[in-house]
Amino acid sequence: MQRRLTALVDNARLSRRGSRRWTRYFIPAEAGSTSVHADAEDSLSSESRAALRQLERPLAKRPIAIYRSDYLREYVPGETAWLTETEQTHLRRIGTVIDRFQPAGTYARRIADR
């Protein structure tokens, strides 16, 4: 993380104020409309990029989200599934903690690789 922040400061994408534990990072005023996510967008799926574009829009220009009470009323615990079987399997796989002994840092590295 520190190397990434230093690279962004060196490239004038961020400005740094303070030092050590009081260091704060800011987006420079001259950056203007540069997307904060520009560097990461290469590795994102098209759906993720579309979601980011939607979130960057002003609140007044976003489509209205309507609360559907019937959607909640029709839910039957243990019977109704809001996620597909594939999504459930994927989430179960990435959320499972391995019970066997692992060297220090293995679990954190596994999370970072997601």
N, C-alpha and C. Protein backbone atom coordinates (compact mmCIF):
# COMPACT_ATOMS: atom_id res chain seq x y z
N MET A 1 0.83 -1.18 0.00
CA MET A 1 0.00 0.00 0.00
C MET A 1 0.89 1.25 0.00
N GLN A 2 1.92 1.25 0.83
CA GLN A 2 2.79 2.41 0.94
C GLN A 2 3.49 2.71 -0.38
N ARG A 3 3.93 1.66 -1.07
CA ARG A 3 4.61 1.87 -2.37
C ARG A 3 3.64 2.46 -3.39
N ARG A 4 2.41 1.98 -3.35
CA ARG A 4 1.38 2.49 -4.29
C ARG A 4 1.10 3.96 -4.01
N LEU A 5 0.96 4.32 -2.74
CA LEU A 5 0.72 5.72 -2.39
C LEU A 5 1.90 6.60 -2.81
N THR A 6 3.12 6.11 -2.58
CA THR A 6 4.31 6.87 -2.98
C THR A 6 4.35 7.07 -4.49
N ALA A 7 4.00 6.03 -5.24
CA ALA A 7 3.98 6.15 -6.70
C ALA A 7 2.93 7.17 -7.15
N LEU A 8 1.77 7.19 -6.51
CA LEU A 8 0.73 8.16 -6.86
C LEU A 8 1.17 9.58 -6.53
N VAL A 9 1.88 9.76 -5.43
CA VAL A 9 2.41 11.09 -5.08
C VAL A 9 3.47 11.50 -6.10
N ASP A 10 4.37 10.57 -6.46
CA ASP A 10 5.42 10.87 -7.44
C ASP A 10 4.85 11.25 -8.81
N ASN A 11 3.71 10.65 -9.16
CA ASN A 11 3.06 10.93 -10.45
C ASN A 11 2.09 12.11 -10.36
N ALA A 12 2.08 12.79 -9.21
CA ALA A 12 1.21 13.95 -8.97
C ALA A 12 -0.27 13.60 -9.03
N ARG A 13 -0.61 12.36 -8.79
CA ARG A 13 -2.02 11.95 -8.72
C ARG A 13 -2.59 12.21 -7.33
N LEU A 14 -1.70 12.24 -6.31
CA LEU A 14 -2.07 12.54 -4.93
C LEU A 14 -1.08 13.55 -4.38
N SER A 15 -1.52 14.31 -3.36
CA SER A 15 -0.58 15.16 -2.64
C SER A 15 -0.52 14.66 -1.20
N ARG A 16 0.65 14.80 -0.59
CA ARG A 16 0.87 14.27 0.75
C ARG A 16 1.07 15.44 1.71
N ARG A 17 0.41 15.35 2.87
CA ARG A 17 0.61 16.34 3.93
C ARG A 17 0.91 15.60 5.21
N GLY A 18 1.89 16.10 5.94
CA GLY A 18 2.27 15.47 7.20
C GLY A 18 3.31 14.40 6.98
N SER A 19 3.68 13.74 8.08
CA SER A 19 4.66 12.66 7.98
C SER A 19 4.32 11.59 9.01
N ARG A 20 4.87 10.43 8.77
CA ARG A 20 4.68 9.25 9.61
C ARG A 20 3.20 8.96 9.84
N ARG A 21 2.80 8.76 11.08
CA ARG A 21 1.42 8.36 11.32
C ARG A 21 0.42 9.50 11.11
N TRP A 22 0.91 10.74 10.93
CA TRP A 22 0.04 11.87 10.69
C TRP A 22 -0.06 12.19 9.21
N THR A 23 0.45 11.35 8.36
CA THR A 23 0.41 11.58 6.92
C THR A 23 -1.03 11.47 6.43
N ARG A 24 -1.40 12.43 5.61
CA ARG A 24 -2.72 12.42 4.98
C ARG A 24 -2.52 12.61 3.49
N TYR A 25 -3.32 11.95 2.68
CA TYR A 25 -3.22 12.02 1.23
C TYR A 25 -4.48 12.68 0.68
N PHE A 26 -4.28 13.55 -0.31
CA PHE A 26 -5.39 14.28 -0.90
C PHE A 26 -5.28 14.25 -2.41
N ILE A 27 -6.41 14.36 -3.08
CA ILE A 27 -6.41 14.48 -4.53
C ILE A 27 -6.15 15.95 -4.84
N PRO A 28 -5.11 16.26 -5.63
CA PRO A 28 -4.78 17.66 -5.91
C PRO A 28 -5.90 18.35 -6.67
N ALA A 29 -6.07 19.63 -6.40
CA ALA A 29 -7.14 20.42 -7.03
C ALA A 29 -7.00 20.43 -8.55
N GLU A 30 -5.77 20.46 -9.05
CA GLU A 30 -5.57 20.51 -10.50
C GLU A 30 -5.90 19.20 -11.19
N ALA A 31 -6.12 18.12 -10.40
CA ALA A 31 -6.48 16.84 -11.00
C ALA A 31 -7.85 16.92 -11.66
N GLY A 32 -8.69 17.82 -11.14
CA GLY A 32 -9.99 18.07 -11.75
C GLY A 32 -10.86 16.85 -11.84
N SER A 33 -11.22 16.49 -13.06
CA SER A 33 -12.17 15.40 -13.27
C SER A 33 -11.51 14.05 -13.46
N THR A 34 -10.23 13.93 -13.15
CA THR A 34 -9.54 12.65 -13.30
C THR A 34 -10.20 11.62 -12.40
N SER A 35 -10.54 10.49 -12.94
CA SER A 35 -11.17 9.43 -12.15
C SER A 35 -10.19 8.85 -11.16
N VAL A 36 -10.64 8.67 -9.93
CA VAL A 36 -9.81 8.07 -8.88
C VAL A 36 -9.53 6.62 -9.24
N HIS A 37 -10.41 6.02 -10.00
CA HIS A 37 -10.32 4.61 -10.31
C HIS A 37 -9.60 4.33 -11.63
N ALA A 38 -9.03 5.33 -12.25
CA ALA A 38 -8.46 5.17 -13.59
C ALA A 38 -7.41 4.07 -13.65
N ASP A 39 -6.53 3.99 -12.64
CA ASP A 39 -5.48 2.98 -12.67
C ASP A 39 -6.01 1.57 -12.51
N ALA A 40 -7.08 1.42 -11.74
CA ALA A 40 -7.60 0.09 -11.44
C ALA A 40 -8.55 -0.42 -12.52
N GLU A 41 -9.05 0.45 -13.37
CA GLU A 41 -10.07 0.05 -14.33
C GLU A 41 -9.61 -1.00 -15.33
N ASP A 42 -8.32 -1.10 -15.58
CA ASP A 42 -7.82 -2.09 -16.53
C ASP A 42 -8.11 -3.51 -16.06
N SER A 43 -8.10 -3.73 -14.76
CA SER A 43 -8.28 -5.07 -14.23
C SER A 43 -9.73 -5.38 -13.86
N LEU A 44 -10.66 -4.46 -14.11
CA LEU A 44 -12.05 -4.67 -13.73
C LEU A 44 -12.86 -5.24 -14.89
N SER A 45 -13.91 -5.96 -14.53
CA SER A 45 -14.82 -6.47 -15.55
C SER A 45 -15.67 -5.33 -16.07
N SER A 46 -16.35 -5.56 -17.18
CA SER A 46 -17.20 -4.51 -17.74
C SER A 46 -18.34 -4.16 -16.80
N GLU A 47 -18.86 -5.16 -16.06
CA GLU A 47 -19.93 -4.90 -15.10
C GLU A 47 -19.43 -4.01 -13.96
N SER A 48 -18.19 -4.25 -13.51
CA SER A 48 -17.61 -3.44 -12.44
C SER A 48 -17.39 -2.01 -12.91
N ARG A 49 -16.90 -1.86 -14.14
CA ARG A 49 -16.70 -0.51 -14.67
C ARG A 49 -18.02 0.24 -14.79
N ALA A 50 -19.07 -0.47 -15.21
CA ALA A 50 -20.39 0.16 -15.32
C ALA A 50 -20.90 0.58 -13.93
N ALA A 51 -20.66 -0.26 -12.92
CA ALA A 51 -21.07 0.08 -11.56
C ALA A 51 -20.32 1.30 -11.05
N LEU A 52 -19.02 1.39 -11.34
CA LEU A 52 -18.24 2.56 -10.93
C LEU A 52 -18.74 3.83 -11.60
N ARG A 53 -19.03 3.74 -12.90
CA ARG A 53 -19.56 4.91 -13.60
C ARG A 53 -20.88 5.35 -13.00
N GLN A 54 -21.71 4.39 -12.62
CA GLN A 54 -23.00 4.70 -12.01
C GLN A 54 -22.81 5.40 -10.67
N LEU A 55 -21.85 4.93 -9.87
CA LEU A 55 -21.59 5.53 -8.56
C LEU A 55 -20.97 6.91 -8.64
N GLU A 56 -20.24 7.19 -9.73
CA GLU A 56 -19.61 8.49 -9.89
C GLU A 56 -20.58 9.56 -10.37
N ARG A 57 -21.77 9.15 -10.80
CA ARG A 57 -22.77 10.11 -11.24
C ARG A 57 -23.34 10.86 -10.03
N PRO A 58 -23.76 12.10 -10.21
CA PRO A 58 -24.40 12.82 -9.11
C PRO A 58 -25.69 12.11 -8.68
N LEU A 59 -26.03 12.21 -7.40
CA LEU A 59 -27.21 11.52 -6.89
C LEU A 59 -28.48 11.89 -7.65
N ALA A 60 -28.61 13.15 -8.04
CA ALA A 60 -29.82 13.60 -8.73
C ALA A 60 -29.96 12.98 -10.11
N LYS A 61 -28.86 12.50 -10.69
CA LYS A 61 -28.91 11.93 -12.04
C LYS A 61 -28.98 10.41 -12.06
N ARG A 62 -28.97 9.80 -10.89
CA ARG A 62 -29.06 8.34 -10.82
C ARG A 62 -30.51 7.90 -10.90
N PRO A 63 -30.78 6.70 -11.43
CA PRO A 63 -32.17 6.23 -11.47
C PRO A 63 -32.68 5.97 -10.05
N ILE A 64 -33.95 6.19 -9.87
CA ILE A 64 -34.57 6.02 -8.56
C ILE A 64 -34.69 4.53 -8.26
N ALA A 65 -34.30 4.14 -7.05
CA ALA A 65 -34.43 2.75 -6.61
C ALA A 65 -35.73 2.63 -5.82
N ILE A 66 -36.59 1.77 -6.27
CA ILE A 66 -37.90 1.63 -5.65
C ILE A 66 -37.88 0.46 -4.67
N TYR A 67 -38.42 0.68 -3.47
CA TYR A 67 -38.52 -0.36 -2.46
C TYR A 67 -39.67 -1.28 -2.83
N ARG A 68 -39.40 -2.58 -2.92
CA ARG A 68 -40.43 -3.56 -3.29
C ARG A 68 -40.75 -4.42 -2.08
N SER A 69 -41.78 -4.06 -1.34
CA SER A 69 -42.14 -4.80 -0.14
C SER A 69 -42.62 -6.22 -0.47
N ASP A 70 -43.25 -6.43 -1.62
CA ASP A 70 -43.70 -7.77 -2.00
C ASP A 70 -42.52 -8.72 -2.18
N TYR A 71 -41.39 -8.18 -2.61
CA TYR A 71 -40.18 -8.99 -2.79
C TYR A 71 -39.75 -9.58 -1.45
N LEU A 72 -39.83 -8.79 -0.40
CA LEU A 72 -39.47 -9.28 0.93
C LEU A 72 -40.56 -10.20 1.51
N ARG A 73 -41.81 -9.86 1.28
CA ARG A 73 -42.92 -10.67 1.81
C ARG A 73 -42.93 -12.08 1.22
N GLU A 74 -42.54 -12.21 -0.03
CA GLU A 74 -42.56 -13.51 -0.71
C GLU A 74 -41.39 -14.40 -0.32
N TYR A 75 -40.41 -13.84 0.38
CA TYR A 75 -39.23 -14.62 0.77
C TYR A 75 -39.60 -15.63 1.85
N VAL A 76 -39.21 -16.90 1.65
CA VAL A 76 -39.44 -17.97 2.62
C VAL A 76 -38.06 -18.49 3.03
N PRO A 77 -37.66 -18.27 4.30
CA PRO A 77 -36.35 -18.74 4.74
C PRO A 77 -36.16 -20.23 4.51
N GLY A 78 -35.01 -20.59 3.98
CA GLY A 78 -34.70 -22.00 3.74
C GLY A 78 -35.25 -22.53 2.43
N GLU A 79 -36.11 -21.77 1.76
CA GLU A 79 -36.70 -22.22 0.50
C GLU A 79 -36.38 -21.27 -0.66
N THR A 80 -36.54 -19.98 -0.43
CA THR A 80 -36.31 -18.98 -1.47
C THR A 80 -34.83 -18.60 -1.50
N ALA A 81 -34.27 -18.50 -2.70
CA ALA A 81 -32.87 -18.09 -2.84
C ALA A 81 -32.80 -16.87 -3.73
N TRP A 82 -32.13 -15.83 -3.26
CA TRP A 82 -31.95 -14.63 -4.05
C TRP A 82 -30.71 -14.73 -4.93
N LEU A 83 -29.82 -15.66 -4.60
CA LEU A 83 -28.61 -15.86 -5.39
C LEU A 83 -28.73 -17.18 -6.16
N THR A 84 -28.08 -17.23 -7.32
CA THR A 84 -28.07 -18.47 -8.08
C THR A 84 -27.16 -19.48 -7.35
N GLU A 85 -27.28 -20.73 -7.73
CA GLU A 85 -26.44 -21.77 -7.13
C GLU A 85 -24.96 -21.50 -7.37
N THR A 86 -24.63 -20.99 -8.55
CA THR A 86 -23.23 -20.66 -8.88
C THR A 86 -22.71 -19.55 -7.96
N GLU A 87 -23.52 -18.50 -7.75
CA GLU A 87 -23.11 -17.41 -6.86
C GLU A 87 -22.95 -17.90 -5.43
N GLN A 88 -23.86 -18.74 -4.98
CA GLN A 88 -23.78 -19.30 -3.62
C GLN A 88 -22.50 -20.11 -3.45
N THR A 89 -22.19 -20.94 -4.43
CA THR A 89 -20.99 -21.77 -4.38
C THR A 89 -19.73 -20.92 -4.35
N HIS A 90 -19.70 -19.90 -5.19
CA HIS A 90 -18.53 -19.01 -5.24
C HIS A 90 -18.34 -18.29 -3.91
N LEU A 91 -19.39 -17.72 -3.35
CA LEU A 91 -19.28 -17.02 -2.07
C LEU A 91 -18.89 -17.96 -0.94
N ARG A 92 -19.42 -19.18 -0.97
CA ARG A 92 -19.06 -20.16 0.06
C ARG A 92 -17.58 -20.53 -0.04
N ARG A 93 -17.09 -20.68 -1.29
CA ARG A 93 -15.69 -21.04 -1.50
C ARG A 93 -14.74 -19.94 -1.02
N ILE A 94 -15.02 -18.68 -1.38
CA ILE A 94 -14.09 -17.61 -0.98
C ILE A 94 -14.24 -17.23 0.48
N GLY A 95 -15.35 -17.59 1.11
CA GLY A 95 -15.56 -17.25 2.51
C GLY A 95 -15.19 -18.34 3.48
N THR A 96 -14.77 -19.50 2.98
CA THR A 96 -14.43 -20.61 3.86
C THR A 96 -13.05 -20.43 4.46
N VAL A 97 -12.97 -20.56 5.78
CA VAL A 97 -11.68 -20.49 6.47
C VAL A 97 -11.13 -21.91 6.55
N ILE A 98 -9.89 -22.08 6.19
CA ILE A 98 -9.27 -23.40 6.21
C ILE A 98 -8.93 -23.74 7.66
N ASP A 99 -9.31 -24.94 8.11
CA ASP A 99 -9.12 -25.33 9.50
C ASP A 99 -7.73 -25.87 9.81
N ARG A 100 -6.99 -26.28 8.82
CA ARG A 100 -5.68 -26.88 9.09
C ARG A 100 -4.64 -25.78 9.35
N PHE A 101 -3.50 -26.18 9.90
CA PHE A 101 -2.41 -25.25 10.21
C PHE A 101 -1.86 -24.63 8.94
N GLN A 102 -1.58 -23.32 8.98
CA GLN A 102 -0.99 -22.61 7.85
C GLN A 102 0.15 -21.73 8.36
N PRO A 103 1.17 -21.54 7.57
CA PRO A 103 2.24 -20.61 7.97
C PRO A 103 1.67 -19.19 8.14
N ALA A 104 2.33 -18.38 8.94
CA ALA A 104 1.88 -17.02 9.20
C ALA A 104 1.74 -16.24 7.90
N GLY A 105 0.66 -15.50 7.76
CA GLY A 105 0.43 -14.67 6.58
C GLY A 105 -0.26 -15.35 5.43
N THR A 106 -0.46 -16.66 5.51
CA THR A 106 -1.07 -17.39 4.39
C THR A 106 -2.51 -16.96 4.17
N TYR A 107 -3.27 -16.85 5.25
CA TYR A 107 -4.69 -16.48 5.13
C TYR A 107 -4.82 -15.06 4.57
N ALA A 108 -4.01 -14.12 5.07
CA ALA A 108 -4.04 -12.76 4.57
C ALA A 108 -3.66 -12.70 3.10
N ARG A 109 -2.66 -13.49 2.70
CA ARG A 109 -2.23 -13.52 1.30
C ARG A 109 -3.37 -14.06 0.43
N ARG A 110 -4.07 -15.06 0.93
CA ARG A 110 -5.18 -15.65 0.18
C ARG A 110 -6.29 -14.63 -0.03
N ILE A 111 -6.56 -13.81 0.98
CA ILE A 111 -7.58 -12.77 0.85
C ILE A 111 -7.11 -11.73 -0.15
N ALA A 112 -5.85 -11.32 -0.08
CA ALA A 112 -5.31 -10.31 -0.98
C ALA A 112 -5.32 -10.78 -2.42
N ASP A 113 -5.23 -12.08 -2.67
CA ASP A 113 -5.22 -12.61 -4.03
C ASP A 113 -6.58 -12.63 -4.68
N ARG A 114 -7.63 -12.40 -3.91
CA ARG A 114 -8.98 -12.45 -4.48
C ARG A 114 -9.13 -11.40 -5.48
